[in-house]
């Protein structure tokens, strides 16, 4: 595999009972690239992202992240940041303390890196405020902070701008472009056509599965 490849998926299938959600999905996301996933609700975007992260096991096919095959070389990607569905935090803890608690699980970063990440997402001034008092947009930015704080090589972002106002969306788009310039491989799912147009180098359309149709790659 090319050393510049961050994510590679080849002929991935996934069903739940008799319902096929992913049918022959293939894509490549290179380092220094943002790839977009688009499609209606139920088209399998979140299921596919969970397969990449190792949370779900495909029925067949191969997924490689950072040169390691998921489910064979490792159960979960090692250098991965993600937002999938609504980020969950401890409401009575501050934004900073939530991130500090998560960071302690791996012990890779400390106070300085966490505070710098909070600055990057625009939450430094609110770092001591309990998450229960955060707006939906602030919680979403905290989710972005937890995804990027350990400087992962690969980012999986499922609707990362939900709840953000226009100014915050512009700020987070600029942050993703900065991360792209640093060589991150980023897979982004968004229903916002402007997100896809302004951020993505490549776009993959996924379709709701019916008898006889497949995934457009």
N, C-alpha and C. Protein backbone atom coordinates (compact mmCIF):
# COMPACT_ATOMS: atom_id res chain seq x y z
N UNK A 1 0.84 -1.20 0.00
CA UNK A 1 0.00 0.00 0.00
C UNK A 1 0.87 1.24 0.00
N UNK A 2 0.43 2.25 -0.73
CA UNK A 2 1.13 3.52 -0.77
C UNK A 2 1.21 4.12 0.62
N UNK A 3 2.41 4.58 1.02
CA UNK A 3 2.58 5.12 2.36
C UNK A 3 1.81 6.42 2.57
N UNK A 4 1.34 7.05 1.48
CA UNK A 4 0.55 8.26 1.60
C UNK A 4 -0.93 7.99 1.83
N UNK A 5 -1.32 6.72 1.85
CA UNK A 5 -2.72 6.36 2.04
C UNK A 5 -3.06 6.34 3.53
N UNK A 6 -4.08 7.12 3.90
CA UNK A 6 -4.55 7.10 5.29
C UNK A 6 -5.62 6.06 5.51
N UNK A 7 -6.62 6.01 4.60
CA UNK A 7 -7.73 5.06 4.70
C UNK A 7 -7.89 4.36 3.36
N UNK A 8 -8.05 3.05 3.40
CA UNK A 8 -8.35 2.30 2.19
C UNK A 8 -9.46 1.30 2.52
N UNK A 9 -10.54 1.35 1.74
CA UNK A 9 -11.62 0.38 1.88
C UNK A 9 -11.82 -0.30 0.53
N UNK A 10 -11.88 -1.64 0.55
CA UNK A 10 -12.02 -2.41 -0.69
C UNK A 10 -13.19 -3.37 -0.58
N UNK A 11 -14.20 -3.16 -1.40
CA UNK A 11 -15.31 -4.10 -1.58
C UNK A 11 -15.95 -4.48 -0.23
N UNK A 12 -16.35 -3.45 0.50
CA UNK A 12 -16.91 -3.66 1.84
C UNK A 12 -18.42 -3.91 1.74
N UNK A 13 -18.87 -4.98 2.39
CA UNK A 13 -20.29 -5.31 2.49
C UNK A 13 -20.67 -5.38 3.97
N UNK A 14 -21.87 -4.92 4.30
CA UNK A 14 -22.37 -5.05 5.66
C UNK A 14 -23.88 -5.14 5.64
N UNK A 15 -24.40 -6.19 6.28
CA UNK A 15 -25.84 -6.39 6.39
C UNK A 15 -26.22 -6.56 7.85
N UNK A 16 -27.48 -6.23 8.14
CA UNK A 16 -28.07 -6.49 9.44
C UNK A 16 -29.31 -7.34 9.18
N UNK A 17 -29.19 -8.64 9.48
CA UNK A 17 -30.25 -9.55 9.11
C UNK A 17 -30.37 -9.62 7.59
N UNK A 18 -31.57 -9.37 7.08
CA UNK A 18 -31.80 -9.41 5.64
C UNK A 18 -31.57 -8.05 4.98
N UNK A 19 -31.26 -7.04 5.78
CA UNK A 19 -31.09 -5.69 5.24
C UNK A 19 -29.62 -5.42 4.91
N UNK A 20 -29.32 -5.23 3.65
CA UNK A 20 -27.98 -4.87 3.22
C UNK A 20 -27.82 -3.36 3.32
N UNK A 21 -26.84 -2.91 4.10
CA UNK A 21 -26.61 -1.48 4.30
C UNK A 21 -25.45 -1.00 3.43
N UNK A 22 -24.38 -1.79 3.37
CA UNK A 22 -23.23 -1.46 2.54
C UNK A 22 -23.05 -2.54 1.49
N UNK A 23 -22.95 -2.12 0.25
CA UNK A 23 -22.80 -3.07 -0.84
C UNK A 23 -21.62 -2.65 -1.72
N UNK A 24 -20.53 -3.39 -1.61
CA UNK A 24 -19.35 -3.19 -2.47
C UNK A 24 -18.82 -1.76 -2.42
N UNK A 25 -18.56 -1.28 -1.20
CA UNK A 25 -18.05 0.08 -1.00
C UNK A 25 -16.52 0.07 -1.05
N UNK A 26 -15.96 0.92 -1.89
CA UNK A 26 -14.51 1.08 -1.97
C UNK A 26 -14.18 2.57 -2.03
N UNK A 27 -13.14 2.96 -1.31
CA UNK A 27 -12.63 4.33 -1.42
C UNK A 27 -11.22 4.38 -0.85
N UNK A 28 -10.53 5.45 -1.20
CA UNK A 28 -9.19 5.73 -0.67
C UNK A 28 -9.14 7.18 -0.22
N UNK A 29 -8.61 7.41 0.97
CA UNK A 29 -8.37 8.77 1.45
C UNK A 29 -6.88 8.90 1.73
N UNK A 30 -6.22 9.77 1.01
CA UNK A 30 -4.78 9.94 1.16
C UNK A 30 -4.47 10.98 2.22
N UNK A 31 -3.25 10.94 2.69
CA UNK A 31 -2.79 11.96 3.64
C UNK A 31 -2.79 13.32 2.93
N UNK A 32 -3.19 14.34 3.67
CA UNK A 32 -3.28 15.66 3.07
C UNK A 32 -4.49 15.82 2.17
N UNK A 33 -5.55 15.02 2.45
CA UNK A 33 -6.75 15.05 1.61
C UNK A 33 -7.99 14.98 2.50
N UNK A 34 -9.03 15.71 2.09
CA UNK A 34 -10.34 15.59 2.72
C UNK A 34 -11.27 14.94 1.71
N UNK A 35 -11.81 13.80 2.07
CA UNK A 35 -12.78 13.11 1.22
C UNK A 35 -14.17 13.26 1.83
N UNK A 36 -15.15 13.51 1.00
CA UNK A 36 -16.51 13.69 1.48
C UNK A 36 -17.37 12.47 1.24
N UNK A 37 -18.27 12.21 2.20
CA UNK A 37 -19.31 11.19 2.05
C UNK A 37 -20.65 11.90 2.01
N UNK A 38 -21.41 11.67 0.95
CA UNK A 38 -22.74 12.28 0.85
C UNK A 38 -23.76 11.19 0.58
N UNK A 39 -25.00 11.48 0.93
CA UNK A 39 -26.08 10.52 0.72
C UNK A 39 -27.21 10.78 1.68
N UNK A 40 -28.38 10.29 1.35
CA UNK A 40 -29.55 10.48 2.19
C UNK A 40 -29.42 9.69 3.48
N UNK A 41 -30.25 10.05 4.46
CA UNK A 41 -30.31 9.27 5.69
C UNK A 41 -30.63 7.81 5.34
N UNK A 42 -29.93 6.89 5.98
CA UNK A 42 -30.13 5.48 5.71
C UNK A 42 -29.27 4.92 4.61
N UNK A 43 -28.39 5.76 4.05
CA UNK A 43 -27.54 5.29 2.95
C UNK A 43 -26.29 4.56 3.44
N UNK A 44 -26.06 4.56 4.75
CA UNK A 44 -24.96 3.77 5.30
C UNK A 44 -23.71 4.54 5.64
N UNK A 45 -23.75 5.87 5.62
CA UNK A 45 -22.53 6.65 5.90
C UNK A 45 -22.00 6.36 7.30
N UNK A 46 -22.89 6.42 8.29
CA UNK A 46 -22.44 6.20 9.68
C UNK A 46 -21.99 4.76 9.89
N UNK A 47 -22.71 3.80 9.31
CA UNK A 47 -22.31 2.39 9.42
C UNK A 47 -20.92 2.19 8.82
N UNK A 48 -20.68 2.79 7.67
CA UNK A 48 -19.37 2.67 7.03
C UNK A 48 -18.28 3.27 7.91
N UNK A 49 -18.54 4.43 8.48
CA UNK A 49 -17.55 5.05 9.36
C UNK A 49 -17.27 4.18 10.59
N UNK A 50 -18.31 3.55 11.12
CA UNK A 50 -18.11 2.66 12.27
C UNK A 50 -17.27 1.44 11.88
N UNK A 51 -17.43 0.98 10.66
CA UNK A 51 -16.58 -0.12 10.19
C UNK A 51 -15.12 0.31 10.11
N UNK A 52 -14.88 1.51 9.62
CA UNK A 52 -13.50 2.02 9.53
C UNK A 52 -12.88 2.11 10.92
N UNK A 53 -13.68 2.54 11.89
CA UNK A 53 -13.17 2.70 13.25
C UNK A 53 -13.02 1.38 14.01
N UNK A 54 -13.56 0.30 13.45
CA UNK A 54 -13.48 -0.99 14.14
C UNK A 54 -14.63 -1.25 15.08
N UNK A 55 -15.65 -0.38 15.09
CA UNK A 55 -16.80 -0.56 15.97
C UNK A 55 -17.78 -1.61 15.41
N UNK A 56 -17.79 -1.75 14.10
CA UNK A 56 -18.58 -2.78 13.43
C UNK A 56 -17.66 -3.60 12.53
N UNK A 57 -17.97 -4.87 12.36
CA UNK A 57 -17.16 -5.75 11.51
C UNK A 57 -17.88 -5.98 10.19
N UNK A 58 -17.26 -5.64 9.07
CA UNK A 58 -17.89 -5.90 7.77
C UNK A 58 -18.12 -7.40 7.56
N UNK A 59 -19.14 -7.71 6.77
CA UNK A 59 -19.36 -9.11 6.40
C UNK A 59 -18.27 -9.60 5.47
N UNK A 60 -17.79 -8.72 4.62
CA UNK A 60 -16.67 -9.04 3.73
C UNK A 60 -16.03 -7.74 3.29
N UNK A 61 -14.85 -7.86 2.68
CA UNK A 61 -14.10 -6.69 2.27
C UNK A 61 -12.94 -6.41 3.20
N UNK A 62 -12.21 -5.40 2.89
CA UNK A 62 -10.99 -5.08 3.64
C UNK A 62 -10.91 -3.58 3.90
N UNK A 63 -10.61 -3.21 5.14
CA UNK A 63 -10.42 -1.81 5.53
C UNK A 63 -9.06 -1.68 6.18
N UNK A 64 -8.27 -0.74 5.67
CA UNK A 64 -6.94 -0.49 6.20
C UNK A 64 -6.83 0.98 6.59
N UNK A 65 -6.30 1.23 7.78
CA UNK A 65 -6.10 2.60 8.27
C UNK A 65 -4.64 2.73 8.71
N UNK A 66 -3.96 3.68 8.12
CA UNK A 66 -2.56 3.87 8.47
C UNK A 66 -1.69 2.67 8.16
N UNK A 67 -2.06 1.92 7.12
CA UNK A 67 -1.27 0.76 6.72
C UNK A 67 -1.56 -0.51 7.49
N UNK A 68 -2.53 -0.47 8.42
CA UNK A 68 -2.86 -1.66 9.21
C UNK A 68 -4.31 -2.07 8.96
N UNK A 69 -4.49 -3.35 8.67
CA UNK A 69 -5.83 -3.85 8.36
C UNK A 69 -6.65 -4.02 9.63
N UNK A 70 -7.84 -3.39 9.63
CA UNK A 70 -8.71 -3.45 10.80
C UNK A 70 -9.30 -4.85 10.92
N UNK A 71 -9.22 -5.42 12.12
CA UNK A 71 -9.71 -6.76 12.37
C UNK A 71 -8.69 -7.84 12.13
N UNK A 72 -7.53 -7.47 11.57
CA UNK A 72 -6.46 -8.44 11.33
C UNK A 72 -5.18 -7.97 12.01
N UNK A 73 -4.69 -6.80 11.61
CA UNK A 73 -3.47 -6.27 12.25
C UNK A 73 -3.79 -5.56 13.57
N UNK A 74 -5.01 -5.05 13.69
CA UNK A 74 -5.43 -4.36 14.91
C UNK A 74 -6.95 -4.37 14.95
N UNK A 75 -7.50 -4.21 16.16
CA UNK A 75 -8.96 -4.14 16.31
C UNK A 75 -9.48 -2.73 16.04
N UNK A 76 -8.68 -1.74 16.42
CA UNK A 76 -9.05 -0.35 16.25
C UNK A 76 -7.85 0.42 15.70
N UNK A 77 -8.07 1.42 14.85
CA UNK A 77 -6.94 2.22 14.36
C UNK A 77 -6.23 2.92 15.52
N UNK A 78 -4.91 3.00 15.42
CA UNK A 78 -4.13 3.55 16.53
C UNK A 78 -4.14 5.07 16.56
N UNK A 79 -4.00 5.71 15.41
CA UNK A 79 -3.89 7.16 15.36
C UNK A 79 -5.12 7.72 14.65
N UNK A 80 -6.23 7.74 15.41
CA UNK A 80 -7.52 8.10 14.83
C UNK A 80 -8.27 9.04 15.76
N UNK A 81 -8.82 10.11 15.19
CA UNK A 81 -9.74 10.97 15.91
C UNK A 81 -11.10 10.90 15.24
N UNK A 82 -12.18 10.95 16.03
CA UNK A 82 -13.47 10.75 15.40
C UNK A 82 -14.59 11.49 16.11
N UNK A 83 -15.58 11.85 15.30
CA UNK A 83 -16.91 12.25 15.77
C UNK A 83 -17.90 11.39 15.01
N UNK A 84 -18.61 10.55 15.73
CA UNK A 84 -19.67 9.75 15.13
C UNK A 84 -20.90 9.91 16.01
N UNK A 85 -21.97 10.45 15.44
CA UNK A 85 -23.18 10.75 16.17
C UNK A 85 -22.89 11.86 17.20
N UNK A 86 -23.78 12.09 18.14
CA UNK A 86 -23.64 13.22 19.05
C UNK A 86 -22.56 12.93 20.09
N UNK A 87 -21.55 13.81 20.20
CA UNK A 87 -20.51 13.58 21.21
C UNK A 87 -21.11 13.56 22.62
N UNK A 88 -20.65 12.61 23.44
CA UNK A 88 -21.14 12.50 24.80
C UNK A 88 -20.07 12.93 25.82
N UNK A 89 -20.47 13.80 26.73
CA UNK A 89 -19.53 14.27 27.76
C UNK A 89 -20.22 14.23 29.12
N UNK A 90 -19.42 14.27 30.18
CA UNK A 90 -19.96 14.31 31.54
C UNK A 90 -20.44 15.72 31.83
N UNK A 91 -21.74 15.93 32.01
CA UNK A 91 -22.29 17.29 32.06
C UNK A 91 -21.84 18.13 33.24
N UNK A 92 -21.53 17.49 34.35
CA UNK A 92 -21.15 18.25 35.54
C UNK A 92 -19.68 18.64 35.56
N UNK A 93 -18.90 18.09 34.63
CA UNK A 93 -17.49 18.45 34.51
C UNK A 93 -17.33 19.60 33.53
N UNK A 94 -16.27 20.36 33.70
CA UNK A 94 -15.95 21.42 32.76
C UNK A 94 -15.49 20.83 31.43
N UNK A 95 -15.47 21.68 30.41
CA UNK A 95 -14.95 21.23 29.13
C UNK A 95 -13.51 20.76 29.25
N UNK A 96 -12.70 21.51 29.96
CA UNK A 96 -11.30 21.12 30.15
C UNK A 96 -11.21 19.78 30.87
N UNK A 97 -11.97 19.60 31.94
CA UNK A 97 -11.86 18.37 32.73
C UNK A 97 -12.34 17.16 31.93
N UNK A 98 -13.35 17.34 31.09
CA UNK A 98 -13.77 16.25 30.22
C UNK A 98 -12.63 15.81 29.31
N UNK A 99 -11.97 16.77 28.68
CA UNK A 99 -10.87 16.42 27.79
C UNK A 99 -9.71 15.82 28.57
N UNK A 100 -9.45 16.34 29.75
CA UNK A 100 -8.35 15.81 30.57
C UNK A 100 -8.62 14.35 30.95
N UNK A 101 -9.88 14.06 31.28
CA UNK A 101 -10.25 12.68 31.63
C UNK A 101 -10.07 11.74 30.45
N UNK A 102 -10.49 12.17 29.26
CA UNK A 102 -10.31 11.34 28.06
C UNK A 102 -8.84 11.17 27.72
N UNK A 103 -8.07 12.24 27.85
CA UNK A 103 -6.64 12.17 27.53
C UNK A 103 -5.90 11.23 28.46
N UNK A 104 -6.37 11.12 29.70
CA UNK A 104 -5.70 10.26 30.68
C UNK A 104 -5.79 8.78 30.30
N UNK A 105 -6.74 8.41 29.44
CA UNK A 105 -6.90 7.01 29.06
C UNK A 105 -5.67 6.51 28.30
N UNK A 106 -5.04 7.39 27.53
CA UNK A 106 -3.85 7.00 26.77
C UNK A 106 -2.58 7.61 27.34
N UNK A 107 -2.70 8.73 28.00
CA UNK A 107 -1.53 9.37 28.58
C UNK A 107 -0.56 9.95 27.58
N UNK A 108 -1.07 10.34 26.41
CA UNK A 108 -0.19 10.85 25.35
C UNK A 108 0.00 12.36 25.42
N UNK A 109 -0.97 13.07 25.98
CA UNK A 109 -0.90 14.53 26.03
C UNK A 109 -1.21 15.02 27.43
N UNK A 110 -0.84 16.26 27.69
CA UNK A 110 -1.07 16.85 29.00
C UNK A 110 -1.84 18.15 28.92
N UNK A 111 -1.71 18.93 29.98
CA UNK A 111 -2.50 20.16 30.12
C UNK A 111 -2.25 21.14 28.98
N UNK A 112 -1.01 21.31 28.59
CA UNK A 112 -0.68 22.29 27.56
C UNK A 112 -1.35 21.97 26.23
N UNK A 113 -1.30 20.73 25.82
CA UNK A 113 -1.92 20.35 24.55
C UNK A 113 -3.44 20.50 24.60
N UNK A 114 -4.03 20.18 25.74
CA UNK A 114 -5.48 20.31 25.87
C UNK A 114 -5.90 21.77 25.80
N UNK A 115 -5.20 22.63 26.50
CA UNK A 115 -5.54 24.06 26.47
C UNK A 115 -5.36 24.64 25.07
N UNK A 116 -4.31 24.22 24.38
CA UNK A 116 -4.09 24.71 23.02
C UNK A 116 -5.22 24.24 22.09
N UNK A 117 -5.68 23.01 22.28
CA UNK A 117 -6.78 22.51 21.47
C UNK A 117 -8.06 23.30 21.75
N UNK A 118 -8.31 23.62 23.00
CA UNK A 118 -9.48 24.43 23.34
C UNK A 118 -9.41 25.81 22.69
N UNK A 119 -8.21 26.35 22.59
CA UNK A 119 -8.04 27.63 21.88
C UNK A 119 -8.38 27.47 20.41
N UNK A 120 -7.94 26.39 19.82
CA UNK A 120 -8.13 26.18 18.38
C UNK A 120 -9.60 26.07 18.01
N UNK A 121 -10.42 25.53 18.92
CA UNK A 121 -11.84 25.37 18.61
C UNK A 121 -12.69 26.49 19.21
N UNK A 122 -12.05 27.47 19.81
CA UNK A 122 -12.79 28.62 20.32
C UNK A 122 -13.47 28.42 21.66
N UNK A 123 -12.96 27.49 22.47
CA UNK A 123 -13.57 27.22 23.78
C UNK A 123 -12.66 27.56 24.95
N UNK A 124 -11.56 28.24 24.70
CA UNK A 124 -10.62 28.49 25.80
C UNK A 124 -11.28 29.29 26.92
N UNK A 125 -12.06 30.31 26.57
CA UNK A 125 -12.69 31.15 27.59
C UNK A 125 -13.76 30.38 28.37
N UNK A 126 -14.30 29.33 27.76
CA UNK A 126 -15.35 28.54 28.42
C UNK A 126 -14.81 27.25 29.02
N UNK A 127 -13.51 27.15 29.13
CA UNK A 127 -12.90 25.87 29.52
C UNK A 127 -13.29 25.43 30.93
N UNK A 128 -13.60 26.37 31.83
CA UNK A 128 -13.95 26.01 33.20
C UNK A 128 -15.45 25.85 33.41
N UNK A 129 -16.23 26.14 32.39
CA UNK A 129 -17.69 26.07 32.52
C UNK A 129 -18.15 24.63 32.42
N UNK A 130 -19.11 24.20 33.28
CA UNK A 130 -19.64 22.83 33.16
C UNK A 130 -20.26 22.62 31.80
N UNK A 131 -20.07 21.43 31.26
CA UNK A 131 -20.62 21.13 29.94
C UNK A 131 -22.14 21.22 29.94
N UNK A 132 -22.78 21.02 31.09
CA UNK A 132 -24.24 21.16 31.18
C UNK A 132 -24.70 22.55 30.77
N UNK A 133 -23.81 23.53 30.90
CA UNK A 133 -24.15 24.91 30.54
C UNK A 133 -23.68 25.29 29.14
N UNK A 134 -23.12 24.34 28.42
CA UNK A 134 -22.70 24.58 27.04
C UNK A 134 -23.92 24.55 26.12
N UNK A 135 -23.90 25.37 25.10
CA UNK A 135 -24.90 25.27 24.03
C UNK A 135 -24.60 24.04 23.18
N UNK A 136 -25.55 23.71 22.29
CA UNK A 136 -25.33 22.58 21.38
C UNK A 136 -24.08 22.82 20.54
N UNK A 137 -23.89 24.04 20.04
CA UNK A 137 -22.72 24.35 19.23
C UNK A 137 -21.42 24.22 20.02
N UNK A 138 -21.44 24.63 21.28
CA UNK A 138 -20.24 24.50 22.11
C UNK A 138 -19.91 23.04 22.36
N UNK A 139 -20.93 22.21 22.56
CA UNK A 139 -20.68 20.78 22.76
C UNK A 139 -20.10 20.17 21.48
N UNK A 140 -20.58 20.65 20.35
CA UNK A 140 -20.05 20.12 19.09
C UNK A 140 -18.59 20.51 18.92
N UNK A 141 -18.25 21.74 19.27
CA UNK A 141 -16.85 22.16 19.19
C UNK A 141 -15.99 21.37 20.18
N UNK A 142 -16.54 21.05 21.35
CA UNK A 142 -15.80 20.21 22.29
C UNK A 142 -15.58 18.83 21.70
N UNK A 143 -16.57 18.33 20.94
CA UNK A 143 -16.39 17.05 20.25
C UNK A 143 -15.27 17.11 19.24
N UNK A 144 -15.19 18.22 18.50
CA UNK A 144 -14.08 18.39 17.55
C UNK A 144 -12.76 18.44 18.30
N UNK A 145 -12.76 19.11 19.45
CA UNK A 145 -11.54 19.20 20.26
C UNK A 145 -11.06 17.81 20.69
N UNK A 146 -11.97 16.96 21.15
CA UNK A 146 -11.53 15.63 21.59
C UNK A 146 -11.04 14.80 20.41
N UNK A 147 -11.58 15.07 19.22
CA UNK A 147 -11.15 14.31 18.04
C UNK A 147 -9.73 14.67 17.62
N UNK A 148 -9.33 15.93 17.80
CA UNK A 148 -8.04 16.38 17.28
C UNK A 148 -6.96 16.54 18.33
N UNK A 149 -7.30 16.45 19.62
CA UNK A 149 -6.36 16.88 20.66
C UNK A 149 -5.09 16.03 20.72
N UNK A 150 -5.16 14.77 20.31
CA UNK A 150 -3.97 13.91 20.37
C UNK A 150 -3.21 13.89 19.04
N UNK A 151 -3.55 14.82 18.15
CA UNK A 151 -2.86 14.98 16.87
C UNK A 151 -2.86 13.69 16.05
N UNK A 152 -4.05 13.11 15.80
CA UNK A 152 -4.11 11.85 15.06
C UNK A 152 -3.79 12.05 13.59
N UNK A 153 -3.38 10.97 12.95
CA UNK A 153 -3.08 11.00 11.52
C UNK A 153 -4.34 10.97 10.66
N UNK A 154 -5.41 10.37 11.22
CA UNK A 154 -6.65 10.15 10.47
C UNK A 154 -7.81 10.70 11.28
N UNK A 155 -8.75 11.38 10.60
CA UNK A 155 -9.95 11.90 11.25
C UNK A 155 -11.18 11.37 10.53
N UNK A 156 -12.14 10.87 11.31
CA UNK A 156 -13.44 10.42 10.81
C UNK A 156 -14.48 11.34 11.43
N UNK A 157 -15.12 12.15 10.61
CA UNK A 157 -16.00 13.21 11.12
C UNK A 157 -17.39 13.07 10.50
N UNK A 158 -18.35 12.67 11.31
CA UNK A 158 -19.73 12.47 10.87
C UNK A 158 -20.56 13.68 11.29
N UNK A 159 -20.91 14.54 10.33
CA UNK A 159 -21.68 15.76 10.58
C UNK A 159 -21.06 16.58 11.71
N UNK A 160 -19.79 16.99 11.59
CA UNK A 160 -19.11 17.65 12.70
C UNK A 160 -19.56 19.07 12.98
N UNK A 161 -20.33 19.68 12.04
CA UNK A 161 -20.72 21.08 12.21
C UNK A 161 -22.15 21.24 12.69
N UNK A 162 -22.80 20.16 13.12
CA UNK A 162 -24.17 20.25 13.63
C UNK A 162 -24.25 21.24 14.79
N UNK A 163 -25.23 22.13 14.73
CA UNK A 163 -25.46 23.05 15.84
C UNK A 163 -24.58 24.28 15.85
N UNK A 164 -23.66 24.40 14.90
CA UNK A 164 -22.75 25.55 14.88
C UNK A 164 -23.37 26.71 14.12
N UNK A 165 -23.16 27.93 14.61
CA UNK A 165 -23.60 29.09 13.87
C UNK A 165 -22.64 29.36 12.73
N UNK A 166 -22.97 30.33 11.88
CA UNK A 166 -22.19 30.57 10.66
C UNK A 166 -20.74 30.90 10.97
N UNK A 167 -20.51 31.71 12.00
CA UNK A 167 -19.14 32.09 12.35
C UNK A 167 -18.33 30.88 12.81
N UNK A 168 -18.96 30.03 13.62
CA UNK A 168 -18.26 28.83 14.11
C UNK A 168 -18.01 27.84 12.98
N UNK A 169 -18.95 27.72 12.05
CA UNK A 169 -18.74 26.84 10.89
C UNK A 169 -17.54 27.30 10.09
N UNK A 170 -17.45 28.61 9.85
CA UNK A 170 -16.30 29.15 9.11
C UNK A 170 -15.00 28.87 9.84
N UNK A 171 -15.01 29.01 11.16
CA UNK A 171 -13.82 28.75 11.96
C UNK A 171 -13.42 27.27 11.89
N UNK A 172 -14.39 26.37 11.97
CA UNK A 172 -14.09 24.94 11.94
C UNK A 172 -13.68 24.47 10.55
N UNK A 173 -14.25 25.09 9.51
CA UNK A 173 -13.79 24.76 8.16
C UNK A 173 -12.32 25.15 7.99
N UNK A 174 -11.97 26.32 8.49
CA UNK A 174 -10.57 26.76 8.41
C UNK A 174 -9.66 25.81 9.18
N UNK A 175 -10.15 25.32 10.32
CA UNK A 175 -9.35 24.37 11.11
C UNK A 175 -9.14 23.07 10.34
N UNK A 176 -10.17 22.56 9.67
CA UNK A 176 -10.00 21.33 8.90
C UNK A 176 -9.02 21.52 7.75
N UNK A 177 -9.07 22.67 7.11
CA UNK A 177 -8.11 22.93 6.04
C UNK A 177 -6.68 23.02 6.58
N UNK A 178 -6.55 23.55 7.78
CA UNK A 178 -5.23 23.59 8.43
C UNK A 178 -4.74 22.17 8.72
N UNK A 179 -5.63 21.32 9.21
CA UNK A 179 -5.25 19.93 9.50
C UNK A 179 -4.91 19.18 8.22
N UNK A 180 -5.66 19.44 7.16
CA UNK A 180 -5.34 18.86 5.86
C UNK A 180 -3.94 19.26 5.43
N UNK A 181 -3.59 20.54 5.59
CA UNK A 181 -2.26 21.03 5.19
C UNK A 181 -1.16 20.37 6.01
N UNK A 182 -1.50 19.89 7.21
CA UNK A 182 -0.52 19.21 8.06
C UNK A 182 -0.37 17.74 7.66
N UNK A 183 -1.15 17.29 6.67
CA UNK A 183 -1.01 15.92 6.19
C UNK A 183 -1.98 14.92 6.76
N UNK A 184 -3.05 15.40 7.43
CA UNK A 184 -4.04 14.47 7.95
C UNK A 184 -4.89 13.91 6.81
N UNK A 185 -5.33 12.68 6.97
CA UNK A 185 -6.33 12.08 6.08
C UNK A 185 -7.68 12.22 6.76
N UNK A 186 -8.62 12.91 6.10
CA UNK A 186 -9.89 13.26 6.73
C UNK A 186 -11.05 12.74 5.90
N UNK A 187 -11.94 11.99 6.55
CA UNK A 187 -13.18 11.55 5.91
C UNK A 187 -14.32 12.29 6.58
N UNK A 188 -15.08 13.06 5.79
CA UNK A 188 -16.10 13.96 6.29
C UNK A 188 -17.46 13.61 5.70
N UNK A 189 -18.45 13.38 6.56
CA UNK A 189 -19.83 13.23 6.11
C UNK A 189 -20.59 14.49 6.47
N UNK A 190 -21.30 15.05 5.50
CA UNK A 190 -22.07 16.26 5.76
C UNK A 190 -23.25 16.33 4.81
N UNK A 191 -24.38 16.83 5.34
CA UNK A 191 -25.54 17.11 4.49
C UNK A 191 -25.47 18.51 3.88
N UNK A 192 -24.48 19.29 4.30
CA UNK A 192 -24.34 20.66 3.82
C UNK A 192 -23.49 20.68 2.55
N UNK A 193 -24.10 21.04 1.44
CA UNK A 193 -23.38 21.03 0.16
C UNK A 193 -22.20 21.99 0.17
N UNK A 194 -22.30 23.08 0.94
CA UNK A 194 -21.20 24.04 0.98
C UNK A 194 -19.99 23.45 1.70
N UNK A 195 -20.22 22.66 2.74
CA UNK A 195 -19.10 21.97 3.40
C UNK A 195 -18.35 21.11 2.40
N UNK A 196 -19.10 20.34 1.63
CA UNK A 196 -18.50 19.43 0.67
C UNK A 196 -17.77 20.21 -0.42
N UNK A 197 -18.40 21.26 -0.91
CA UNK A 197 -17.81 22.04 -2.01
C UNK A 197 -16.52 22.73 -1.59
N UNK A 198 -16.51 23.32 -0.40
CA UNK A 198 -15.35 24.12 0.01
C UNK A 198 -14.22 23.30 0.61
N UNK A 199 -14.53 22.10 1.12
CA UNK A 199 -13.51 21.35 1.88
C UNK A 199 -12.96 20.13 1.15
N UNK A 200 -13.77 19.48 0.32
CA UNK A 200 -13.42 18.13 -0.10
C UNK A 200 -12.68 18.07 -1.44
N UNK A 201 -11.64 17.24 -1.46
CA UNK A 201 -10.88 16.98 -2.69
C UNK A 201 -11.56 15.91 -3.53
N UNK A 202 -12.32 15.05 -2.88
CA UNK A 202 -12.96 13.93 -3.55
C UNK A 202 -14.28 13.68 -2.84
N UNK A 203 -15.29 13.27 -3.58
CA UNK A 203 -16.61 13.06 -2.99
C UNK A 203 -17.12 11.67 -3.38
N UNK A 204 -17.66 10.95 -2.41
CA UNK A 204 -18.19 9.61 -2.62
C UNK A 204 -19.67 9.62 -2.26
N UNK A 205 -20.51 9.30 -3.20
CA UNK A 205 -21.95 9.30 -2.98
C UNK A 205 -22.42 7.90 -2.59
N UNK A 206 -23.16 7.82 -1.49
CA UNK A 206 -23.71 6.55 -1.03
C UNK A 206 -25.22 6.59 -1.19
N UNK A 207 -25.78 5.44 -1.52
CA UNK A 207 -27.20 5.34 -1.83
C UNK A 207 -27.87 4.37 -0.88
N UNK A 208 -29.13 4.67 -0.55
CA UNK A 208 -29.94 3.74 0.22
C UNK A 208 -30.06 2.45 -0.57
N UNK A 209 -29.82 1.32 0.09
CA UNK A 209 -29.79 0.05 -0.61
C UNK A 209 -31.19 -0.49 -0.87
N UNK A 210 -31.45 -0.83 -2.11
CA UNK A 210 -32.65 -1.56 -2.50
C UNK A 210 -32.20 -2.74 -3.34
N UNK A 211 -33.06 -3.65 -3.58
CA UNK A 211 -32.68 -4.85 -4.34
C UNK A 211 -32.10 -4.44 -5.69
N UNK A 212 -30.85 -4.84 -5.92
CA UNK A 212 -30.24 -4.63 -7.23
C UNK A 212 -29.37 -3.42 -7.35
N UNK A 213 -29.42 -2.49 -6.35
CA UNK A 213 -28.55 -1.32 -6.54
C UNK A 213 -27.30 -1.46 -5.71
N UNK A 214 -26.31 -0.61 -5.98
CA UNK A 214 -25.04 -0.68 -5.29
C UNK A 214 -24.61 0.67 -4.82
N UNK A 215 -23.39 0.73 -4.29
CA UNK A 215 -22.80 2.00 -3.84
C UNK A 215 -22.06 2.64 -4.99
N UNK A 216 -22.27 3.91 -5.15
CA UNK A 216 -21.47 4.65 -6.15
C UNK A 216 -20.19 5.06 -5.49
N UNK A 217 -19.09 4.76 -6.16
CA UNK A 217 -17.78 4.99 -5.55
C UNK A 217 -17.02 6.03 -6.34
